[in-house]
Structure formats: structure tokens, C-alpha cells
PDB file of all heavy atoms in Angstrom:
ATOM      1  N   SER A   1      -2.348   3.424  -8.264  1.00  0.00           N
ATOM      2  CA  SER A   1      -3.323   4.141  -9.086  1.00  0.00           C
ATOM      3  C   SER A   1      -4.719   4.126  -8.469  1.00  0.00           C
ATOM      4  O   SER A   1      -5.505   5.042  -8.693  1.00  0.00           O
ATOM      5  CB  SER A   1      -3.351   3.576 -10.512  1.00  0.00           C
ATOM      6  OG  SER A   1      -3.770   2.238 -10.498  1.00  0.00           O
ATOM      7  N   ALA A   2      -5.011   3.104  -7.659  1.00  0.00           N
ATOM      8  CA  ALA A   2      -6.305   3.036  -6.981  1.00  0.00           C
ATOM      9  C   ALA A   2      -6.334   3.891  -5.711  1.00  0.00           C
ATOM     10  O   ALA A   2      -7.388   4.023  -5.083  1.00  0.00           O
ATOM     11  CB  ALA A   2      -6.635   1.595  -6.626  1.00  0.00           C
ATOM     12  N   GLY A   3      -5.186   4.441  -5.321  1.00  0.00           N
ATOM     13  CA  GLY A   3      -5.136   5.284  -4.130  1.00  0.00           C
ATOM     14  C   GLY A   3      -5.091   4.516  -2.827  1.00  0.00           C
ATOM     15  O   GLY A   3      -5.314   5.082  -1.765  1.00  0.00           O
ATOM     16  N   VAL A   4      -4.785   3.238  -2.887  1.00  0.00           N
ATOM     17  CA  VAL A   4      -4.691   2.414  -1.677  1.00  0.00           C
ATOM     18  C   VAL A   4      -3.417   2.749  -0.907  1.00  0.00           C
ATOM     19  O   VAL A   4      -3.414   2.792   0.325  1.00  0.00           O
ATOM     20  CB  VAL A   4      -4.730   0.907  -2.026  1.00  0.00           C
ATOM     21  CG1 VAL A   4      -4.465   0.038  -0.807  1.00  0.00           C
ATOM     22  CG2 VAL A   4      -6.068   0.563  -2.668  1.00  0.00           C
ATOM     23  N   VAL A   5      -2.348   2.990  -1.649  1.00  0.00           N
ATOM     24  CA  VAL A   5      -1.065   3.331  -1.037  1.00  0.00           C
ATOM     25  C   VAL A   5      -0.578   4.666  -1.589  1.00  0.00           C
ATOM     26  O   VAL A   5      -0.955   5.077  -2.682  1.00  0.00           O
ATOM     27  CB  VAL A   5       0.012   2.247  -1.271  1.00  0.00           C
ATOM     28  CG1 VAL A   5      -0.344   0.963  -0.587  1.00  0.00           C
ATOM     29  CG2 VAL A   5       0.240   1.999  -2.740  1.00  0.00           C
ATOM     30  N   GLU A   6       0.274   5.312  -0.798  1.00  0.00           N
ATOM     31  CA  GLU A   6       0.909   6.550  -1.223  1.00  0.00           C
ATOM     32  C   GLU A   6       2.412   6.319  -1.237  1.00  0.00           C
ATOM     33  O   GLU A   6       2.942   5.607  -0.390  1.00  0.00           O
ATOM     34  CB  GLU A   6       0.563   7.681  -0.249  1.00  0.00           C
ATOM     35  CG  GLU A   6      -0.911   8.007  -0.234  1.00  0.00           C
ATOM     36  CD  GLU A   6      -1.284   8.993   0.858  1.00  0.00           C
ATOM     37  OE1 GLU A   6      -0.542   9.109   1.858  1.00  0.00           O
ATOM     38  OE2 GLU A   6      -2.328   9.649   0.701  1.00  0.00           O
ATOM     39  N   LEU A   7       3.068   6.924  -2.198  1.00  0.00           N
ATOM     40  CA  LEU A   7       4.506   6.762  -2.350  1.00  0.00           C
ATOM     41  C   LEU A   7       5.164   8.130  -2.299  1.00  0.00           C
ATOM     42  O   LEU A   7       4.776   9.047  -3.024  1.00  0.00           O
ATOM     43  CB  LEU A   7       4.803   6.073  -3.694  1.00  0.00           C
ATOM     44  CG  LEU A   7       6.205   5.582  -3.936  1.00  0.00           C
ATOM     45  CD1 LEU A   7       6.610   4.546  -2.900  1.00  0.00           C
ATOM     46  CD2 LEU A   7       6.303   4.965  -5.327  1.00  0.00           C
ATOM     47  N   ASP A   8       6.149   8.257  -1.406  1.00  0.00           N
ATOM     48  CA  ASP A   8       6.927   9.493  -1.283  1.00  0.00           C
ATOM     49  C   ASP A   8       8.385   9.090  -1.405  1.00  0.00           C
ATOM     50  O   ASP A   8       8.989   8.625  -0.430  1.00  0.00           O
ATOM     51  CB  ASP A   8       6.645  10.170   0.058  1.00  0.00           C
ATOM     52  CG  ASP A   8       7.412  11.478   0.224  1.00  0.00           C
ATOM     53  OD1 ASP A   8       7.939  11.995  -0.781  1.00  0.00           O
ATOM     54  OD2 ASP A   8       7.492  11.969   1.358  1.00  0.00           O
ATOM     55  N   GLY A   9       8.931   9.216  -2.607  1.00  0.00           N
ATOM     56  CA  GLY A   9      10.290   8.729  -2.851  1.00  0.00           C
ATOM     57  C   GLY A   9      10.289   7.212  -2.753  1.00  0.00           C
ATOM     58  O   GLY A   9       9.619   6.536  -3.517  1.00  0.00           O
ATOM     59  N   ALA A  10      11.033   6.684  -1.771  1.00  0.00           N
ATOM     60  CA  ALA A  10      11.064   5.232  -1.557  1.00  0.00           C
ATOM     61  C   ALA A  10      10.298   4.838  -0.302  1.00  0.00           C
ATOM     62  O   ALA A  10      10.441   3.731   0.189  1.00  0.00           O
ATOM     63  CB  ALA A  10      12.511   4.757  -1.459  1.00  0.00           C
ATOM     64  N   SER A  11       9.475   5.745   0.206  1.00  0.00           N
ATOM     65  CA  SER A  11       8.644   5.451   1.375  1.00  0.00           C
ATOM     66  C   SER A  11       7.215   5.197   0.925  1.00  0.00           C
ATOM     67  O   SER A  11       6.606   6.037   0.263  1.00  0.00           O
ATOM     68  CB  SER A  11       8.669   6.619   2.368  1.00  0.00           C
ATOM     69  OG  SER A  11       9.932   6.739   2.947  1.00  0.00           O
ATOM     70  N   LEU A  12       6.724   4.058   1.304  1.00  0.00           N
ATOM     71  CA  LEU A  12       5.393   3.634   0.912  1.00  0.00           C
ATOM     72  C   LEU A  12       4.520   3.602   2.159  1.00  0.00           C
ATOM     73  O   LEU A  12       4.960   3.130   3.211  1.00  0.00           O
ATOM     74  CB  LEU A  12       5.488   2.237   0.294  1.00  0.00           C
ATOM     75  CG  LEU A  12       4.204   1.614  -0.184  1.00  0.00           C
ATOM     76  CD1 LEU A  12       4.411   1.094  -1.583  1.00  0.00           C
ATOM     77  CD2 LEU A  12       3.807   0.484   0.734  1.00  0.00           C
ATOM     78  N   ALA A  13       3.290   4.097   2.069  1.00  0.00           N
ATOM     79  CA  ALA A  13       2.364   4.087   3.197  1.00  0.00           C
ATOM     80  C   ALA A  13       0.989   3.653   2.731  1.00  0.00           C
ATOM     81  O   ALA A  13       0.510   4.099   1.689  1.00  0.00           O
ATOM     82  CB  ALA A  13       2.283   5.468   3.836  1.00  0.00           C
ATOM     83  N   VAL A  14       0.380   2.771   3.503  1.00  0.00           N
ATOM     84  CA  VAL A  14      -1.000   2.370   3.238  1.00  0.00           C
ATOM     85  C   VAL A  14      -1.891   3.471   3.811  1.00  0.00           C
ATOM     86  O   VAL A  14      -1.748   3.857   4.966  1.00  0.00           O
ATOM     87  CB  VAL A  14      -1.330   1.019   3.915  1.00  0.00           C
ATOM     88  CG1 VAL A  14      -2.765   0.615   3.626  1.00  0.00           C
ATOM     89  CG2 VAL A  14      -0.365  -0.061   3.462  1.00  0.00           C
ATOM     90  N   ARG A  15      -2.775   4.000   2.986  1.00  0.00           N
ATOM     91  CA  ARG A  15      -3.667   5.072   3.446  1.00  0.00           C
ATOM     92  C   ARG A  15      -4.528   4.568   4.604  1.00  0.00           C
ATOM     93  O   ARG A  15      -4.901   3.394   4.646  1.00  0.00           O
ATOM     94  CB  ARG A  15      -4.545   5.552   2.304  1.00  0.00           C
ATOM     95  CG  ARG A  15      -3.768   6.284   1.228  1.00  0.00           C
ATOM     96  CD  ARG A  15      -4.671   6.654   0.084  1.00  0.00           C
ATOM     97  NE  ARG A  15      -5.975   7.097   0.557  1.00  0.00           N
ATOM     98  CZ  ARG A  15      -6.489   8.301   0.360  1.00  0.00           C
ATOM     99  NH1 ARG A  15      -5.834   9.173  -0.347  1.00  0.00           N
ATOM    100  NH2 ARG A  15      -7.682   8.614   0.823  1.00  0.00           N
ATOM    101  N   ASP A  16      -4.838   5.460   5.532  1.00  0.00           N
ATOM    102  CA  ASP A  16      -5.633   5.085   6.706  1.00  0.00           C
ATOM    103  C   ASP A  16      -6.952   4.425   6.326  1.00  0.00           C
ATOM    104  O   ASP A  16      -7.353   3.438   6.941  1.00  0.00           O
ATOM    105  CB  ASP A  16      -5.908   6.306   7.586  1.00  0.00           C
ATOM    106  CG  ASP A  16      -4.680   6.775   8.340  1.00  0.00           C
ATOM    107  OD1 ASP A  16      -3.692   6.019   8.420  1.00  0.00           O
ATOM    108  OD2 ASP A  16      -4.701   7.919   8.841  1.00  0.00           O
ATOM    109  N   ASP A  17      -7.614   4.946   5.312  1.00  0.00           N
ATOM    110  CA  ASP A  17      -8.905   4.382   4.919  1.00  0.00           C
ATOM    111  C   ASP A  17      -8.788   3.098   4.104  1.00  0.00           C
ATOM    112  O   ASP A  17      -9.784   2.497   3.733  1.00  0.00           O
ATOM    113  CB  ASP A  17      -9.739   5.417   4.165  1.00  0.00           C
ATOM    114  CG  ASP A  17      -9.083   5.891   2.870  1.00  0.00           C
ATOM    115  OD1 ASP A  17      -7.881   5.634   2.672  1.00  0.00           O
ATOM    116  OD2 ASP A  17      -9.779   6.534   2.067  1.00  0.00           O
ATOM    117  N   SER A  18      -7.543   2.659   3.848  1.00  0.00           N
ATOM    118  CA  SER A  18      -7.316   1.433   3.084  1.00  0.00           C
ATOM    119  C   SER A  18      -6.570   0.379   3.885  1.00  0.00           C
ATOM    120  O   SER A  18      -6.124  -0.623   3.331  1.00  0.00           O
ATOM    121  CB  SER A  18      -6.517   1.748   1.816  1.00  0.00           C
ATOM    122  OG  SER A  18      -7.225   2.626   0.982  1.00  0.00           O
ATOM    123  N   ARG A  19      -6.445   0.582   5.176  1.00  0.00           N
ATOM    124  CA  ARG A  19      -5.678  -0.361   5.994  1.00  0.00           C
ATOM    125  C   ARG A  19      -6.242  -1.780   5.973  1.00  0.00           C
ATOM    126  O   ARG A  19      -5.519  -2.734   6.172  1.00  0.00           O
ATOM    127  CB  ARG A  19      -5.546   0.152   7.428  1.00  0.00           C
ATOM    128  CG  ARG A  19      -4.572   1.296   7.517  1.00  0.00           C
ATOM    129  CD  ARG A  19      -4.281   1.676   8.926  1.00  0.00           C
ATOM    130  NE  ARG A  19      -3.135   2.575   8.949  1.00  0.00           N
ATOM    131  CZ  ARG A  19      -2.578   3.015  10.045  1.00  0.00           C
ATOM    132  NH1 ARG A  19      -3.056   2.644  11.219  1.00  0.00           N
ATOM    133  NH2 ARG A  19      -1.545   3.824   9.974  1.00  0.00           N
ATOM    134  N   PHE A  20      -7.509  -1.916   5.719  1.00  0.00           N
ATOM    135  CA  PHE A  20      -8.088  -3.254   5.633  1.00  0.00           C
ATOM    136  C   PHE A  20      -7.520  -4.033   4.436  1.00  0.00           C
ATOM    137  O   PHE A  20      -7.672  -5.247   4.349  1.00  0.00           O
ATOM    138  CB  PHE A  20      -9.624  -3.188   5.571  1.00  0.00           C
ATOM    139  CG  PHE A  20     -10.165  -2.578   4.304  1.00  0.00           C
ATOM    140  CD1 PHE A  20     -10.578  -3.388   3.254  1.00  0.00           C
ATOM    141  CD2 PHE A  20     -10.256  -1.197   4.160  1.00  0.00           C
ATOM    142  CE1 PHE A  20     -11.082  -2.832   2.086  1.00  0.00           C
ATOM    143  CE2 PHE A  20     -10.760  -0.632   3.004  1.00  0.00           C
ATOM    144  CZ  PHE A  20     -11.172  -1.450   1.959  1.00  0.00           C
ATOM    145  N   LEU A  21      -6.830  -3.350   3.530  1.00  0.00           N
ATOM    146  CA  LEU A  21      -6.214  -3.986   2.362  1.00  0.00           C
ATOM    147  C   LEU A  21      -4.714  -4.227   2.547  1.00  0.00           C
ATOM    148  O   LEU A  21      -4.008  -4.507   1.587  1.00  0.00           O
ATOM    149  CB  LEU A  21      -6.434  -3.107   1.126  1.00  0.00           C
ATOM    150  CG  LEU A  21      -7.890  -2.915   0.720  1.00  0.00           C
ATOM    151  CD1 LEU A  21      -8.009  -1.861  -0.363  1.00  0.00           C
ATOM    152  CD2 LEU A  21      -8.474  -4.233   0.257  1.00  0.00           C
ATOM    153  N   VAL A  22      -4.236  -4.166   3.786  1.00  0.00           N
ATOM    154  CA  VAL A  22      -2.801  -4.270   4.035  1.00  0.00           C
ATOM    155  C   VAL A  22      -2.219  -5.584   3.505  1.00  0.00           C
ATOM    156  O   VAL A  22      -1.097  -5.618   3.017  1.00  0.00           O
ATOM    157  CB  VAL A  22      -2.470  -4.061   5.533  1.00  0.00           C
ATOM    158  CG1 VAL A  22      -2.952  -5.220   6.394  1.00  0.00           C
ATOM    159  CG2 VAL A  22      -0.982  -3.828   5.723  1.00  0.00           C
ATOM    160  N   ARG A  23      -2.967  -6.665   3.566  1.00  0.00           N
ATOM    161  CA  ARG A  23      -2.465  -7.948   3.049  1.00  0.00           C
ATOM    162  C   ARG A  23      -2.262  -7.891   1.536  1.00  0.00           C
ATOM    163  O   ARG A  23      -1.327  -8.480   1.009  1.00  0.00           O
ATOM    164  CB  ARG A  23      -3.408  -9.087   3.424  1.00  0.00           C
ATOM    165  CG  ARG A  23      -3.383  -9.372   4.929  1.00  0.00           C
ATOM    166  CD  ARG A  23      -4.308 -10.479   5.310  1.00  0.00           C
ATOM    167  NE  ARG A  23      -3.882 -11.730   4.690  1.00  0.00           N
ATOM    168  CZ  ARG A  23      -4.618 -12.823   4.660  1.00  0.00           C
ATOM    169  NH1 ARG A  23      -5.817 -12.827   5.190  1.00  0.00           N
ATOM    170  NH2 ARG A  23      -4.174 -13.920   4.092  1.00  0.00           N
ATOM    171  N   SER A  24      -3.126  -7.191   0.843  1.00  0.00           N
ATOM    172  CA  SER A  24      -2.960  -7.044  -0.605  1.00  0.00           C
ATOM    173  C   SER A  24      -1.732  -6.211  -0.932  1.00  0.00           C
ATOM    174  O   SER A  24      -1.031  -6.493  -1.905  1.00  0.00           O
ATOM    175  CB  SER A  24      -4.205  -6.388  -1.211  1.00  0.00           C
ATOM    176  OG  SER A  24      -5.325  -7.219  -1.061  1.00  0.00           O
ATOM    177  N   VAL A  25      -1.461  -5.196  -0.119  1.00  0.00           N
ATOM    178  CA  VAL A  25      -0.270  -4.373  -0.334  1.00  0.00           C
ATOM    179  C   VAL A  25       0.979  -5.206  -0.089  1.00  0.00           C
ATOM    180  O   VAL A  25       1.919  -5.201  -0.887  1.00  0.00           O
ATOM    181  CB  VAL A  25      -0.289  -3.120   0.569  1.00  0.00           C
ATOM    182  CG1 VAL A  25       0.985  -2.317   0.395  1.00  0.00           C
ATOM    183  CG2 VAL A  25      -1.521  -2.268   0.272  1.00  0.00           C
ATOM    184  N   ALA A  26       0.993  -5.952   1.006  1.00  0.00           N
ATOM    185  CA  ALA A  26       2.143  -6.814   1.307  1.00  0.00           C
ATOM    186  C   ALA A  26       2.332  -7.859   0.213  1.00  0.00           C
ATOM    187  O   ALA A  26       3.467  -8.151  -0.196  1.00  0.00           O
ATOM    188  CB  ALA A  26       1.961  -7.476   2.668  1.00  0.00           C
ATOM    189  N   ALA A  27       1.246  -8.409  -0.282  1.00  0.00           N
ATOM    190  CA  ALA A  27       1.321  -9.442  -1.325  1.00  0.00           C
ATOM    191  C   ALA A  27       1.945  -8.915  -2.609  1.00  0.00           C
ATOM    192  O   ALA A  27       2.513  -9.681  -3.388  1.00  0.00           O
ATOM    193  CB  ALA A  27      -0.072 -10.001  -1.608  1.00  0.00           C
ATOM    194  N   ALA A  28       1.868  -7.616  -2.823  1.00  0.00           N
ATOM    195  CA  ALA A  28       2.472  -7.027  -4.023  1.00  0.00           C
ATOM    196  C   ALA A  28       3.984  -7.214  -4.033  1.00  0.00           C
ATOM    197  O   ALA A  28       4.609  -7.167  -5.088  1.00  0.00           O
ATOM    198  CB  ALA A  28       2.127  -5.539  -4.111  1.00  0.00           C
ATOM    199  N   PHE A  29       4.581  -7.461  -2.875  1.00  0.00           N
ATOM    200  CA  PHE A  29       6.025  -7.667  -2.778  1.00  0.00           C
ATOM    201  C   PHE A  29       6.409  -9.134  -2.659  1.00  0.00           C
ATOM    202  O   PHE A  29       7.587  -9.460  -2.534  1.00  0.00           O
ATOM    203  CB  PHE A  29       6.587  -6.882  -1.588  1.00  0.00           C
ATOM    204  CG  PHE A  29       6.570  -5.402  -1.819  1.00  0.00           C
ATOM    205  CD1 PHE A  29       5.523  -4.623  -1.368  1.00  0.00           C
ATOM    206  CD2 PHE A  29       7.602  -4.792  -2.520  1.00  0.00           C
ATOM    207  CE1 PHE A  29       5.499  -3.255  -1.596  1.00  0.00           C
ATOM    208  CE2 PHE A  29       7.586  -3.431  -2.761  1.00  0.00           C
ATOM    209  CZ  PHE A  29       6.533  -2.663  -2.296  1.00  0.00           C
ATOM    210  N   ASP A  30       5.434 -10.032  -2.696  1.00  0.00           N
ATOM    211  CA  ASP A  30       5.707 -11.461  -2.560  1.00  0.00           C
ATOM    212  C   ASP A  30       6.028 -12.059  -3.925  1.00  0.00           C
ATOM    213  O   ASP A  30       5.139 -12.277  -4.744  1.00  0.00           O
ATOM    214  CB  ASP A  30       4.507 -12.167  -1.932  1.00  0.00           C
ATOM    215  CG  ASP A  30       4.786 -13.612  -1.594  1.00  0.00           C
ATOM    216  OD1 ASP A  30       5.782 -14.177  -2.092  1.00  0.00           O
ATOM    217  OD2 ASP A  30       3.995 -14.191  -0.825  1.00  0.00           O
ATOM    218  N   ALA A  31       7.308 -12.318  -4.159  1.00  0.00           N
ATOM    219  CA  ALA A  31       7.751 -12.842  -5.457  1.00  0.00           C
ATOM    220  C   ALA A  31       7.308 -14.287  -5.678  1.00  0.00           C
ATOM    221  O   ALA A  31       7.295 -14.761  -6.813  1.00  0.00           O
ATOM    222  CB  ALA A  31       9.269 -12.741  -5.566  1.00  0.00           C
TER     223      ALA A  31
END
């Protein structure tokens, strides 16, 4: 919802202008 990542079906991509947040995106999958 913040536009950090884009989702196309089951493909997730970190937006180019949000790559500095890649650790936060990865952490979203850390159970």
C-alpha cells in the first residue's frame, strides 16, 4: 500500500526508488 513493492500475480518486485528498503521487504517474509 505504501508503493514500496509491486505485485504482479505471484511475482513481487521492489521498486527501483525503494531499493534502500530491501531489508524491510525481506523481513516481511521472516516468520
